Amino acid sequence: MSDTKYEPVTHDQRAFLKRALKRQGFREAYTALEDEYQLARELLLARTRAGLTQEEVAASMGTTKSSISRLEASGRHSPSVNTLRRYARAVGCDVEIRLIPSSYQRGASRKGTKG
């Protein structure tokens, strides 16, 4: 065994994005996956607030740590609503799904036109 002490590497997501958004093509690719990234952030935030590890969430859901890891990784696949509900229960949350009119549609409905 090594005497090396574990020291986690910190990650500053805002600083990373600030640098990455300057790269050609990154902004378009990131924007295209914005909903997936938002979902991943929500999942990680809920699990962190609950103080749970991926292993603990997996055990509560009756699945594997690798399944939870894939679920929390943005852009790889779209989980079913049932899977999101099971994850939410495991971390002490509820799922809320809403359809929000786009700004174009809101503007059109205010003018009395049909969109």
PDB file of N, CA and C in Angstrom:
ATOM      1  N   MET A   1       0.831  -1.191   0.000  1.00  0.00           N
ATOM      2  CA  MET A   1       0.000   0.000   0.000  1.00  0.00           C
ATOM      3  C   MET A   1       0.871   1.249   0.000  1.00  0.00           C
ATOM      4  N   SER A   2       0.384   2.251  -0.626  1.00  0.00           N
ATOM      5  CA  SER A   2       1.092   3.513  -0.712  1.00  0.00           C
ATOM      6  C   SER A   2       0.683   4.423   0.443  1.00  0.00           C
ATOM      7  N   ASP A   3       1.580   5.301   0.818  1.00  0.00           N
ATOM      8  CA  ASP A   3       1.269   6.285   1.858  1.00  0.00           C
ATOM      9  C   ASP A   3       0.693   7.567   1.274  1.00  0.00           C
ATOM     10  N   THR A   4       0.323   7.524   0.003  1.00  0.00           N
ATOM     11  CA  THR A   4      -0.228   8.692  -0.662  1.00  0.00           C
ATOM     12  C   THR A   4      -1.593   9.023  -0.072  1.00  0.00           C
ATOM     13  N   LYS A   5      -1.743  10.273   0.321  1.00  0.00           N
ATOM     14  CA  LYS A   5      -3.001  10.736   0.904  1.00  0.00           C
ATOM     15  C   LYS A   5      -3.956  11.146  -0.218  1.00  0.00           C
ATOM     16  N   TYR A   6      -5.203  10.750  -0.072  1.00  0.00           N
ATOM     17  CA  TYR A   6      -6.223  11.117  -1.048  1.00  0.00           C
ATOM     18  C   TYR A   6      -6.545  12.597  -0.929  1.00  0.00           C
ATOM     19  N   GLU A   7      -6.397  13.305  -2.023  1.00  0.00           N
ATOM     20  CA  GLU A   7      -6.747  14.724  -2.061  1.00  0.00           C
ATOM     21  C   GLU A   7      -7.573  14.966  -3.320  1.00  0.00           C
ATOM     22  N   PRO A   8      -8.881  15.136  -3.165  1.00  0.00           N
ATOM     23  CA  PRO A   8      -9.728  15.332  -4.345  1.00  0.00           C
ATOM     24  C   PRO A   8      -9.377  16.616  -5.081  1.00  0.00           C
ATOM     25  N   VAL A   9      -9.533  16.570  -6.376  1.00  0.00           N
ATOM     26  CA  VAL A   9      -9.274  17.732  -7.215  1.00  0.00           C
ATOM     27  C   VAL A   9     -10.572  18.522  -7.314  1.00  0.00           C
ATOM     28  N   THR A  10     -10.487  19.806  -7.043  1.00  0.00           N
ATOM     29  CA  THR A  10     -11.694  20.631  -7.152  1.00  0.00           C
ATOM     30  C   THR A  10     -11.945  20.982  -8.612  1.00  0.00           C
ATOM     31  N   HIS A  11     -13.203  21.224  -8.916  1.00  0.00           N
ATOM     32  CA  HIS A  11     -13.591  21.581 -10.281  1.00  0.00           C
ATOM     33  C   HIS A  11     -14.481  22.807 -10.209  1.00  0.00           C
ATOM     34  N   ASP A  12     -14.074  23.862 -10.860  1.00  0.00           N
ATOM     35  CA  ASP A  12     -14.861  25.094 -10.909  1.00  0.00           C
ATOM     36  C   ASP A  12     -15.623  25.111 -12.233  1.00  0.00           C
ATOM     37  N   GLN A  13     -16.885  24.698 -12.193  1.00  0.00           N
ATOM     38  CA  GLN A  13     -17.687  24.583 -13.411  1.00  0.00           C
ATOM     39  C   GLN A  13     -17.846  25.922 -14.117  1.00  0.00           C
ATOM     40  N   ARG A  14     -18.035  26.988 -13.369  1.00  0.00           N
ATOM     41  CA  ARG A  14     -18.204  28.305 -14.003  1.00  0.00           C
ATOM     42  C   ARG A  14     -16.948  28.739 -14.743  1.00  0.00           C
ATOM     43  N   ALA A  15     -15.788  28.541 -14.121  1.00  0.00           N
ATOM     44  CA  ALA A  15     -14.528  28.900 -14.778  1.00  0.00           C
ATOM     45  C   ALA A  15     -14.311  28.039 -16.020  1.00  0.00           C
ATOM     46  N   PHE A  16     -14.635  26.746 -15.898  1.00  0.00           N
ATOM     47  CA  PHE A  16     -14.508  25.852 -17.050  1.00  0.00           C
ATOM     48  C   PHE A  16     -15.371  26.335 -18.204  1.00  0.00           C
ATOM     49  N   LEU A  17     -16.644  26.641 -17.926  1.00  0.00           N
ATOM     50  CA  LEU A  17     -17.543  27.099 -18.981  1.00  0.00           C
ATOM     51  C   LEU A  17     -17.088  28.414 -19.593  1.00  0.00           C
ATOM     52  N   LYS A  18     -16.598  29.305 -18.761  1.00  0.00           N
ATOM     53  CA  LYS A  18     -16.134  30.603 -19.268  1.00  0.00           C
ATOM     54  C   LYS A  18     -15.030  30.404 -20.306  1.00  0.00           C
ATOM     55  N   ARG A  19     -14.096  29.490 -20.002  1.00  0.00           N
ATOM     56  CA  ARG A  19     -13.016  29.201 -20.954  1.00  0.00           C
ATOM     57  C   ARG A  19     -13.535  28.435 -22.165  1.00  0.00           C
ATOM     58  N   ALA A  20     -14.352  27.435 -21.917  1.00  0.00           N
ATOM     59  CA  ALA A  20     -14.824  26.563 -22.994  1.00  0.00           C
ATOM     60  C   ALA A  20     -15.701  27.309 -23.992  1.00  0.00           C
ATOM     61  N   LEU A  21     -16.514  28.235 -23.518  1.00  0.00           N
ATOM     62  CA  LEU A  21     -17.412  28.964 -24.411  1.00  0.00           C
ATOM     63  C   LEU A  21     -16.663  29.825 -25.420  1.00  0.00           C
ATOM     64  N   LYS A  22     -15.393  30.054 -25.193  1.00  0.00           N
ATOM     65  CA  LYS A  22     -14.578  30.822 -26.128  1.00  0.00           C
ATOM     66  C   LYS A  22     -14.093  29.958 -27.299  1.00  0.00           C
ATOM     67  N   ARG A  23     -14.161  28.640 -27.135  1.00  0.00           N
ATOM     68  CA  ARG A  23     -13.699  27.734 -28.193  1.00  0.00           C
ATOM     69  C   ARG A  23     -14.723  27.679 -29.316  1.00  0.00           C
ATOM     70  N   GLN A  24     -14.216  27.635 -30.539  1.00  0.00           N
ATOM     71  CA  GLN A  24     -15.074  27.593 -31.715  1.00  0.00           C
ATOM     72  C   GLN A  24     -15.953  26.346 -31.686  1.00  0.00           C
ATOM     73  N   GLY A  25     -17.241  26.540 -31.872  1.00  0.00           N
ATOM     74  CA  GLY A  25     -18.189  25.435 -31.946  1.00  0.00           C
ATOM     75  C   GLY A  25     -18.705  24.943 -30.609  1.00  0.00           C
ATOM     76  N   PHE A  26     -18.036  25.313 -29.515  1.00  0.00           N
ATOM     77  CA  PHE A  26     -18.456  24.795 -28.215  1.00  0.00           C
ATOM     78  C   PHE A  26     -19.818  25.346 -27.816  1.00  0.00           C
ATOM     79  N   ARG A  27     -20.026  26.636 -27.986  1.00  0.00           N
ATOM     80  CA  ARG A  27     -21.288  27.267 -27.563  1.00  0.00           C
ATOM     81  C   ARG A  27     -22.483  26.600 -28.249  1.00  0.00           C
ATOM     82  N   GLU A  28     -22.382  26.350 -29.543  1.00  0.00           N
ATOM     83  CA  GLU A  28     -23.486  25.729 -30.272  1.00  0.00           C
ATOM     84  C   GLU A  28     -23.747  24.312 -29.764  1.00  0.00           C
ATOM     85  N   ALA A  29     -22.684  23.553 -29.558  1.00  0.00           N
ATOM     86  CA  ALA A  29     -22.822  22.179 -29.069  1.00  0.00           C
ATOM     87  C   ALA A  29     -23.393  22.169 -27.654  1.00  0.00           C
ATOM     88  N   TYR A  30     -22.923  23.063 -26.811  1.00  0.00           N
ATOM     89  CA  TYR A  30     -23.392  23.139 -25.425  1.00  0.00           C
ATOM     90  C   TYR A  30     -24.860  23.545 -25.387  1.00  0.00           C
ATOM     91  N   THR A  31     -25.232  24.517 -26.192  1.00  0.00           N
ATOM     92  CA  THR A  31     -26.607  24.986 -26.226  1.00  0.00           C
ATOM     93  C   THR A  31     -27.541  23.878 -26.703  1.00  0.00           C
ATOM     94  N   ALA A  32     -27.097  23.083 -27.667  1.00  0.00           N
ATOM     95  CA  ALA A  32     -27.918  21.988 -28.179  1.00  0.00           C
ATOM     96  C   ALA A  32     -28.216  20.955 -27.099  1.00  0.00           C
ATOM     97  N   LEU A  33     -27.340  20.833 -26.112  1.00  0.00           N
ATOM     98  CA  LEU A  33     -27.516  19.857 -25.030  1.00  0.00           C
ATOM     99  C   LEU A  33     -27.921  20.506 -23.712  1.00  0.00           C
ATOM    100  N   GLU A  34     -28.382  21.742 -23.770  1.00  0.00           N
ATOM    101  CA  GLU A  34     -28.684  22.501 -22.556  1.00  0.00           C
ATOM    102  C   GLU A  34     -29.663  21.786 -21.624  1.00  0.00           C
ATOM    103  N   ASP A  35     -30.720  21.201 -22.171  1.00  0.00           N
ATOM    104  CA  ASP A  35     -31.698  20.514 -21.328  1.00  0.00           C
ATOM    105  C   ASP A  35     -31.079  19.311 -20.625  1.00  0.00           C
ATOM    106  N   GLU A  36     -30.240  18.556 -21.342  1.00  0.00           N
ATOM    107  CA  GLU A  36     -29.578  17.404 -20.734  1.00  0.00           C
ATOM    108  C   GLU A  36     -28.648  17.831 -19.606  1.00  0.00           C
ATOM    109  N   TYR A  37     -27.900  18.918 -19.825  1.00  0.00           N
ATOM    110  CA  TYR A  37     -27.007  19.424 -18.782  1.00  0.00           C
ATOM    111  C   TYR A  37     -27.803  19.910 -17.575  1.00  0.00           C
ATOM    112  N   GLN A  38     -28.924  20.555 -17.826  1.00  0.00           N
ATOM    113  CA  GLN A  38     -29.781  21.034 -16.734  1.00  0.00           C
ATOM    114  C   GLN A  38     -30.286  19.861 -15.905  1.00  0.00           C
ATOM    115  N   LEU A  39     -30.727  18.803 -16.578  1.00  0.00           N
ATOM    116  CA  LEU A  39     -31.207  17.617 -15.866  1.00  0.00           C
ATOM    117  C   LEU A  39     -30.087  17.006 -15.033  1.00  0.00           C
ATOM    118  N   ALA A  40     -28.899  16.885 -15.612  1.00  0.00           N
ATOM    119  CA  ALA A  40     -27.768  16.319 -14.872  1.00  0.00           C
ATOM    120  C   ALA A  40     -27.451  17.154 -13.637  1.00  0.00           C
ATOM    121  N   ARG A  41     -27.471  18.484 -13.780  1.00  0.00           N
ATOM    122  CA  ARG A  41     -27.222  19.362 -12.626  1.00  0.00           C
ATOM    123  C   ARG A  41     -28.275  19.151 -11.544  1.00  0.00           C
ATOM    124  N   GLU A  42     -29.538  19.042 -11.949  1.00  0.00           N
ATOM    125  CA  GLU A  42     -30.626  18.832 -10.989  1.00  0.00           C
ATOM    126  C   GLU A  42     -30.455  17.514 -10.245  1.00  0.00           C
ATOM    127  N   LEU A  43     -30.106  16.450 -10.964  1.00  0.00           N
ATOM    128  CA  LEU A  43     -29.914  15.147 -10.342  1.00  0.00           C
ATOM    129  C   LEU A  43     -28.770  15.197  -9.328  1.00  0.00           C
ATOM    130  N   LEU A  44     -27.647  15.755  -9.752  1.00  0.00           N
ATOM    131  CA  LEU A  44     -26.491  15.837  -8.850  1.00  0.00           C
ATOM    132  C   LEU A  44     -26.778  16.701  -7.633  1.00  0.00           C
ATOM    133  N   LEU A  45     -27.463  17.801  -7.840  1.00  0.00           N
ATOM    134  CA  LEU A  45     -27.800  18.693  -6.739  1.00  0.00           C
ATOM    135  C   LEU A  45     -28.719  17.999  -5.741  1.00  0.00           C
ATOM    136  N   ALA A  46     -29.712  17.283  -6.238  1.00  0.00           N
ATOM    137  CA  ALA A  46     -30.642  16.580  -5.348  1.00  0.00           C
ATOM    138  C   ALA A  46     -29.917  15.502  -4.552  1.00  0.00           C
ATOM    139  N   ARG A  47     -29.037  14.756  -5.206  1.00  0.00           N
ATOM    140  CA  ARG A  47     -28.303  13.697  -4.497  1.00  0.00           C
ATOM    141  C   ARG A  47     -27.361  14.292  -3.464  1.00  0.00           C
ATOM    142  N   THR A  48     -26.716  15.398  -3.815  1.00  0.00           N
ATOM    143  CA  THR A  48     -25.799  16.070  -2.888  1.00  0.00           C
ATOM    144  C   THR A  48     -26.555  16.599  -1.677  1.00  0.00           C
ATOM    145  N   ARG A  49     -27.706  17.245  -1.923  1.00  0.00           N
ATOM    146  CA  ARG A  49     -28.528  17.751  -0.811  1.00  0.00           C
ATOM    147  C   ARG A  49     -28.962  16.630   0.118  1.00  0.00           C
ATOM    148  N   ALA A  50     -29.229  15.459  -0.465  1.00  0.00           N
ATOM    149  CA  ALA A  50     -29.657  14.314   0.335  1.00  0.00           C
ATOM    150  C   ALA A  50     -28.482  13.659   1.061  1.00  0.00           C
ATOM    151  N   GLY A  51     -27.262  14.050   0.690  1.00  0.00           N
ATOM    152  CA  GLY A  51     -26.077  13.486   1.332  1.00  0.00           C
ATOM    153  C   GLY A  51     -25.849  12.023   0.991  1.00  0.00           C
ATOM    154  N   LEU A  52     -26.228  11.642  -0.216  1.00  0.00           N
ATOM    155  CA  LEU A  52     -26.127  10.245  -0.626  1.00  0.00           C
ATOM    156  C   LEU A  52     -25.042  10.039  -1.676  1.00  0.00           C
ATOM    157  N   THR A  53     -24.484   8.843  -1.681  1.00  0.00           N
ATOM    158  CA  THR A  53     -23.537   8.453  -2.721  1.00  0.00           C
ATOM    159  C   THR A  53     -24.305   7.794  -3.857  1.00  0.00           C
ATOM    160  N   GLN A  54     -23.640   7.622  -4.987  1.00  0.00           N
ATOM    161  CA  GLN A  54     -24.270   6.909  -6.089  1.00  0.00           C
ATOM    162  C   GLN A  54     -24.625   5.481  -5.668  1.00  0.00           C
ATOM    163  N   GLU A  55     -23.765   4.871  -4.870  1.00  0.00           N
ATOM    164  CA  GLU A  55     -24.026   3.505  -4.396  1.00  0.00           C
ATOM    165  C   GLU A  55     -25.303   3.447  -3.565  1.00  0.00           C
ATOM    166  N   GLU A  56     -25.497   4.433  -2.701  1.00  0.00           N
ATOM    167  CA  GLU A  56     -26.685   4.461  -1.847  1.00  0.00           C
ATOM    168  C   GLU A  56     -27.956   4.671  -2.660  1.00  0.00           C
ATOM    169  N   VAL A  57     -27.886   5.563  -3.643  1.00  0.00           N
ATOM    170  CA  VAL A  57     -29.048   5.791  -4.505  1.00  0.00           C
ATOM    171  C   VAL A  57     -29.342   4.525  -5.301  1.00  0.00           C
ATOM    172  N   ALA A  58     -28.309   3.892  -5.819  1.00  0.00           N
ATOM    173  CA  ALA A  58     -28.479   2.652  -6.587  1.00  0.00           C
ATOM    174  C   ALA A  58     -29.147   1.576  -5.742  1.00  0.00           C
ATOM    175  N   ALA A  59     -28.702   1.424  -4.507  1.00  0.00           N
ATOM    176  CA  ALA A  59     -29.289   0.417  -3.619  1.00  0.00           C
ATOM    177  C   ALA A  59     -30.763   0.715  -3.368  1.00  0.00           C
ATOM    178  N   SER A  60     -31.093   1.977  -3.170  1.00  0.00           N
ATOM    179  CA  SER A  60     -32.476   2.372  -2.923  1.00  0.00           C
ATOM    180  C   SER A  60     -33.356   2.115  -4.145  1.00  0.00           C
ATOM    181  N   MET A  61     -32.783   2.274  -5.330  1.00  0.00           N
ATOM    182  CA  MET A  61     -33.533   2.073  -6.568  1.00  0.00           C
ATOM    183  C   MET A  61     -33.504   0.625  -7.044  1.00  0.00           C
ATOM    184  N   GLY A  62     -32.688  -0.201  -6.422  1.00  0.00           N
ATOM    185  CA  GLY A  62     -32.564  -1.579  -6.863  1.00  0.00           C
ATOM    186  C   GLY A  62     -31.806  -1.721  -8.167  1.00  0.00           C
ATOM    187  N   THR A  63     -30.780  -0.887  -8.340  1.00  0.00           N
ATOM    188  CA  THR A  63     -29.985  -0.910  -9.567  1.00  0.00           C
ATOM    189  C   THR A  63     -28.507  -0.852  -9.207  1.00  0.00           C
ATOM    190  N   THR A  64     -27.662  -0.556 -10.163  1.00  0.00           N
ATOM    191  CA  THR A  64     -26.211  -0.531  -9.932  1.00  0.00           C
ATOM    192  C   THR A  64     -25.675   0.889  -9.906  1.00  0.00           C
ATOM    193  N   LYS A  65     -24.505   1.056  -9.317  1.00  0.00           N
ATOM    194  CA  LYS A  65     -23.836   2.350  -9.286  1.00  0.00           C
ATOM    195  C   LYS A  65     -23.571   2.837 -10.708  1.00  0.00           C
ATOM    196  N   SER A  66     -23.191   1.929 -11.597  1.00  0.00           N
ATOM    197  CA  SER A  66     -22.899   2.341 -12.968  1.00  0.00           C
ATOM    198  C   SER A  66     -24.154   2.873 -13.662  1.00  0.00           C
ATOM    199  N   SER A  67     -25.315   2.334 -13.326  1.00  0.00           N
ATOM    200  CA  SER A  67     -26.565   2.861 -13.889  1.00  0.00           C
ATOM    201  C   SER A  67     -26.820   4.285 -13.409  1.00  0.00           C
ATOM    202  N   ILE A  68     -26.541   4.538 -12.136  1.00  0.00           N
ATOM    203  CA  ILE A  68     -26.717   5.884 -11.590  1.00  0.00           C
ATOM    204  C   ILE A  68     -25.711   6.834 -12.222  1.00  0.00           C
ATOM    205  N   SER A  69     -24.508   6.365 -12.405  1.00  0.00           N
ATOM    206  CA  SER A  69     -23.475   7.184 -13.047  1.00  0.00           C
ATOM    207  C   SER A  69     -23.906   7.573 -14.461  1.00  0.00           C
ATOM    208  N   ARG A  70     -24.439   6.625 -15.216  1.00  0.00           N
ATOM    209  CA  ARG A  70     -24.923   6.922 -16.571  1.00  0.00           C
ATOM    210  C   ARG A  70     -26.097   7.895 -16.522  1.00  0.00           C
ATOM    211  N   LEU A  71     -26.985   7.713 -15.554  1.00  0.00           N
ATOM    212  CA  LEU A  71     -28.143   8.587 -15.416  1.00  0.00           C
ATOM    213  C   LEU A  71     -27.710  10.024 -15.147  1.00  0.00           C
ATOM    214  N   GLU A  72     -26.677  10.185 -14.312  1.00  0.00           N
ATOM    215  CA  GLU A  72     -26.204  11.522 -13.951  1.00  0.00           C
ATOM    216  C   GLU A  72     -25.267  12.131 -14.981  1.00  0.00           C
ATOM    217  N   ALA A  73     -24.879  11.366 -15.988  1.00  0.00           N
ATOM    218  CA  ALA A  73     -23.998  11.882 -17.047  1.00  0.00           C
ATOM    219  C   ALA A  73     -24.860  12.499 -18.135  1.00  0.00           C
ATOM    220  N   SER A  74     -24.640  13.755 -18.419  1.00  0.00           N
ATOM    221  CA  SER A  74     -25.493  14.438 -19.385  1.00  0.00           C
ATOM    222  C   SER A  74     -25.175  14.037 -20.811  1.00  0.00           C
ATOM    223  N   GLY A  75     -26.231  13.998 -21.616  1.00  0.00           N
ATOM    224  CA  GLY A  75     -26.075  13.812 -23.041  1.00  0.00           C
ATOM    225  C   GLY A  75     -25.951  12.387 -23.524  1.00  0.00           C
ATOM    226  N   ARG A  76     -25.865  11.429 -22.637  1.00  0.00           N
ATOM    227  CA  ARG A  76     -25.665  10.047 -23.089  1.00  0.00           C
ATOM    228  C   ARG A  76     -26.969   9.374 -23.468  1.00  0.00           C
ATOM    229  N   HIS A  77     -27.982   9.553 -22.677  1.00  0.00           N
ATOM    230  CA  HIS A  77     -29.290   8.978 -22.979  1.00  0.00           C
ATOM    231  C   HIS A  77     -30.359   9.758 -22.229  1.00  0.00           C
ATOM    232  N   SER A  78     -31.584   9.558 -22.648  1.00  0.00           N
ATOM    233  CA  SER A  78     -32.696  10.239 -21.993  1.00  0.00           C
ATOM    234  C   SER A  78     -33.418   9.238 -21.098  1.00  0.00           C
ATOM    235  N   PRO A  79     -33.418   9.480 -19.793  1.00  0.00           N
ATOM    236  CA  PRO A  79     -34.098   8.556 -18.883  1.00  0.00           C
ATOM    237  C   PRO A  79     -35.614   8.661 -19.027  1.00  0.00           C
ATOM    238  N   SER A  80     -36.293   7.579 -18.708  1.00  0.00           N
ATOM    239  CA  SER A  80     -37.755   7.600 -18.734  1.00  0.00           C
ATOM    240  C   SER A  80     -38.269   8.386 -17.533  1.00  0.00           C
ATOM    241  N   VAL A  81     -39.520   8.799 -17.609  1.00  0.00           N
ATOM    242  CA  VAL A  81     -40.146   9.502 -16.491  1.00  0.00           C
ATOM    243  C   VAL A  81     -40.185   8.585 -15.276  1.00  0.00           C
ATOM    244  N   ASN A  82     -40.445   7.306 -15.481  1.00  0.00           N
ATOM    245  CA  ASN A  82     -40.465   6.351 -14.385  1.00  0.00           C
ATOM    246  C   ASN A  82     -39.104   6.294 -13.682  1.00  0.00           C
ATOM    247  N   THR A  83     -38.029   6.276 -14.460  1.00  0.00           N
ATOM    248  CA  THR A  83     -36.687   6.258 -13.867  1.00  0.00           C
ATOM    249  C   THR A  83     -36.432   7.532 -13.081  1.00  0.00           C
ATOM    250  N   LEU A  84     -36.843   8.668 -13.617  1.00  0.00           N
ATOM    251  CA  LEU A  84     -36.676   9.936 -12.888  1.00  0.00           C
ATOM    252  C   LEU A  84     -37.462   9.928 -11.584  1.00  0.00           C
ATOM    253  N   ARG A  85     -38.659   9.360 -11.602  1.00  0.00           N
ATOM    254  CA  ARG A  85     -39.454   9.267 -10.368  1.00  0.00           C
ATOM    255  C   ARG A  85     -38.762   8.381  -9.335  1.00  0.00           C
ATOM    256  N   ARG A  86     -38.234   7.247  -9.765  1.00  0.00           N
ATOM    257  CA  ARG A  86     -37.541   6.344  -8.840  1.00  0.00           C
ATOM    258  C   ARG A  86     -36.309   7.026  -8.252  1.00  0.00           C
ATOM    259  N   TYR A  87     -35.552   7.744  -9.085  1.00  0.00           N
ATOM    260  CA  TYR A  87     -34.376   8.477  -8.614  1.00  0.00           C
ATOM    261  C   TYR A  87     -34.808   9.540  -7.610  1.00  0.00           C
ATOM    262  N   ALA A  88     -35.860  10.283  -7.954  1.00  0.00           N
ATOM    263  CA  ALA A  88     -36.349  11.344  -7.074  1.00  0.00           C
ATOM    264  C   ALA A  88     -36.735  10.784  -5.709  1.00  0.00           C
ATOM    265  N   ARG A  89     -37.473   9.678  -5.694  1.00  0.00           N
ATOM    266  CA  ARG A  89     -37.844   9.056  -4.415  1.00  0.00           C
ATOM    267  C   ARG A  89     -36.602   8.665  -3.628  1.00  0.00           C
ATOM    268  N   ALA A  90     -35.593   8.133  -4.319  1.00  0.00           N
ATOM    269  CA  ALA A  90     -34.371   7.673  -3.652  1.00  0.00           C
ATOM    270  C   ALA A  90     -33.618   8.815  -2.978  1.00  0.00           C
ATOM    271  N   VAL A  91     -33.738  10.038  -3.523  1.00  0.00           N
ATOM    272  CA  VAL A  91     -33.026  11.188  -2.950  1.00  0.00           C
ATOM    273  C   VAL A  91     -33.967  12.122  -2.189  1.00  0.00           C
ATOM    274  N   GLY A  92     -35.194  11.650  -1.933  1.00  0.00           N
ATOM    275  CA  GLY A  92     -36.135  12.431  -1.131  1.00  0.00           C
ATOM    276  C   GLY A  92     -36.757  13.607  -1.855  1.00  0.00           C
ATOM    277  N   CYS A  93     -36.995  13.456  -3.150  1.00  0.00           N
ATOM    278  CA  CYS A  93     -37.583  14.538  -3.947  1.00  0.00           C
ATOM    279  C   CYS A  93     -38.804  14.041  -4.703  1.00  0.00           C
ATOM    280  N   ASP A  94     -39.507  14.971  -5.316  1.00  0.00           N
ATOM    281  CA  ASP A  94     -40.588  14.685  -6.243  1.00  0.00           C
ATOM    282  C   ASP A  94     -40.160  15.192  -7.610  1.00  0.00           C
ATOM    283  N   VAL A  95     -40.788  14.679  -8.645  1.00  0.00           N
ATOM    284  CA  VAL A  95     -40.526  15.141 -10.009  1.00  0.00           C
ATOM    285  C   VAL A  95     -41.644  16.094 -10.406  1.00  0.00           C
ATOM    286  N   GLU A  96     -41.277  17.205 -11.009  1.00  0.00           N
ATOM    287  CA  GLU A  96     -42.254  18.152 -11.540  1.00  0.00           C
ATOM    288  C   GLU A  96     -41.937  18.351 -13.010  1.00  0.00           C
ATOM    289  N   ILE A  97     -42.923  18.096 -13.858  1.00  0.00           N
ATOM    290  CA  ILE A  97     -42.735  18.254 -15.296  1.00  0.00           C
ATOM    291  C   ILE A  97     -43.679  19.353 -15.760  1.00  0.00           C
ATOM    292  N   ARG A  98     -43.124  20.332 -16.468  1.00  0.00           N
ATOM    293  CA  ARG A  98     -43.933  21.445 -16.948  1.00  0.00           C
ATOM    294  C   ARG A  98     -43.583  21.736 -18.396  1.00  0.00           C
ATOM    295  N   LEU A  99     -44.554  22.154 -19.146  1.00  0.00           N
ATOM    296  CA  LEU A  99     -44.330  22.676 -20.486  1.00  0.00           C
ATOM    297  C   LEU A  99     -44.501  24.183 -20.395  1.00  0.00           C
ATOM    298  N   ILE A 100     -43.477  24.896 -20.771  1.00  0.00           N
ATOM    299  CA  ILE A 100     -43.486  26.350 -20.651  1.00  0.00           C
ATOM    300  C   ILE A 100     -43.517  26.948 -22.048  1.00  0.00           C
ATOM    301  N   PRO A 101     -44.484  27.807 -22.314  1.00  0.00           N
ATOM    302  CA  PRO A 101     -44.545  28.411 -23.657  1.00  0.00           C
ATOM    303  C   PRO A 101     -43.256  29.154 -23.989  1.00  0.00           C
ATOM    304  N   SER A 102     -42.819  29.005 -25.210  1.00  0.00           N
ATOM    305  CA  SER A 102     -41.638  29.744 -25.639  1.00  0.00           C
ATOM    306  C   SER A 102     -41.994  31.219 -25.736  1.00  0.00           C
ATOM    307  N   SER A 103     -41.005  32.074 -25.763  1.00  0.00           N
ATOM    308  CA  SER A 103     -41.266  33.513 -25.811  1.00  0.00           C
ATOM    309  C   SER A 103     -42.004  33.881 -27.091  1.00  0.00           C
ATOM    310  N   TYR A 104     -41.748  33.169 -28.181  1.00  0.00           N
ATOM    311  CA  TYR A 104     -42.458  33.448 -29.428  1.00  0.00           C
ATOM    312  C   TYR A 104     -43.943  33.177 -29.256  1.00  0.00           C
ATOM    313  N   GLN A 105     -44.275  32.021 -28.675  1.00  0.00           N
ATOM    314  CA  GLN A 105     -45.672  31.664 -28.493  1.00  0.00           C
ATOM    315  C   GLN A 105     -46.354  32.588 -27.504  1.00  0.00           C
ATOM    316  N   ARG A 106     -45.648  32.982 -26.441  1.00  0.00           N
ATOM    317  CA  ARG A 106     -46.257  33.912 -25.492  1.00  0.00           C
ATOM    318  C   ARG A 106     -46.580  35.225 -26.163  1.00  0.00           C
ATOM    319  N   GLY A 107     -45.661  35.718 -27.001  1.00  0.00           N
ATOM    320  CA  GLY A 107     -45.895  36.973 -27.701  1.00  0.00           C
ATOM    321  C   GLY A 107     -47.065  36.873 -28.665  1.00  0.00           C
ATOM    322  N   ALA A 108     -47.177  35.743 -29.344  1.00  0.00           N
ATOM    323  CA  ALA A 108     -48.261  35.558 -30.278  1.00  0.00           C
ATOM    324  C   ALA A 108     -49.614  35.487 -29.576  1.00  0.00           C
ATOM    325  N   SER A 109     -49.643  34.799 -28.410  1.00  0.00           N
ATOM    326  CA  SER A 109     -50.924  34.677 -27.711  1.00  0.00           C
ATOM    327  C   SER A 109     -51.353  35.998 -27.112  1.00  0.00           C
ATOM    328  N   ARG A 110     -50.408  36.844 -26.741  1.00  0.00           N
ATOM    329  CA  ARG A 110     -50.758  38.152 -26.181  1.00  0.00           C
ATOM    330  C   ARG A 110     -51.385  39.040 -27.259  1.00  0.00           C
ATOM    331  N   LYS A 111     -50.994  38.848 -28.503  1.00  0.00           N
ATOM    332  CA  LYS A 111     -51.527  39.665 -29.582  1.00  0.00           C
ATOM    333  C   LYS A 111     -52.837  39.123 -30.111  1.00  0.00           C
ATOM    334  N   GLY A 112     -53.255  37.971 -29.549  1.00  0.00           N
ATOM    335  CA  GLY A 112     -54.526  37.413 -29.979  1.00  0.00           C
ATOM    336  C   GLY A 112     -54.432  36.554 -31.208  1.00  0.00           C
ATOM    337  N   THR A 113     -53.209  36.263 -31.674  1.00  0.00           N
ATOM    338  CA  THR A 113     -53.055  35.408 -32.837  1.00  0.00           C
ATOM    339  C   THR A 113     -52.856  33.977 -32.399  1.00  0.00           C
ATOM    340  N   LYS A 114     -53.185  33.076 -33.260  1.00  0.00           N
ATOM    341  CA  LYS A 114     -53.005  31.664 -32.946  1.00  0.00           C
ATOM    342  C   LYS A 114     -51.624  31.224 -33.416  1.00  0.00           C
ATOM    343  N   GLY A 115     -50.947  30.382 -32.566  1.00  0.00           N
ATOM    344  CA  GLY A 115     -49.598  29.942 -32.915  1.00  0.00           C
ATOM    345  C   GLY A 115     -49.588  28.589 -33.305  1.00  0.00           C
TER     346      GLY A 115
END
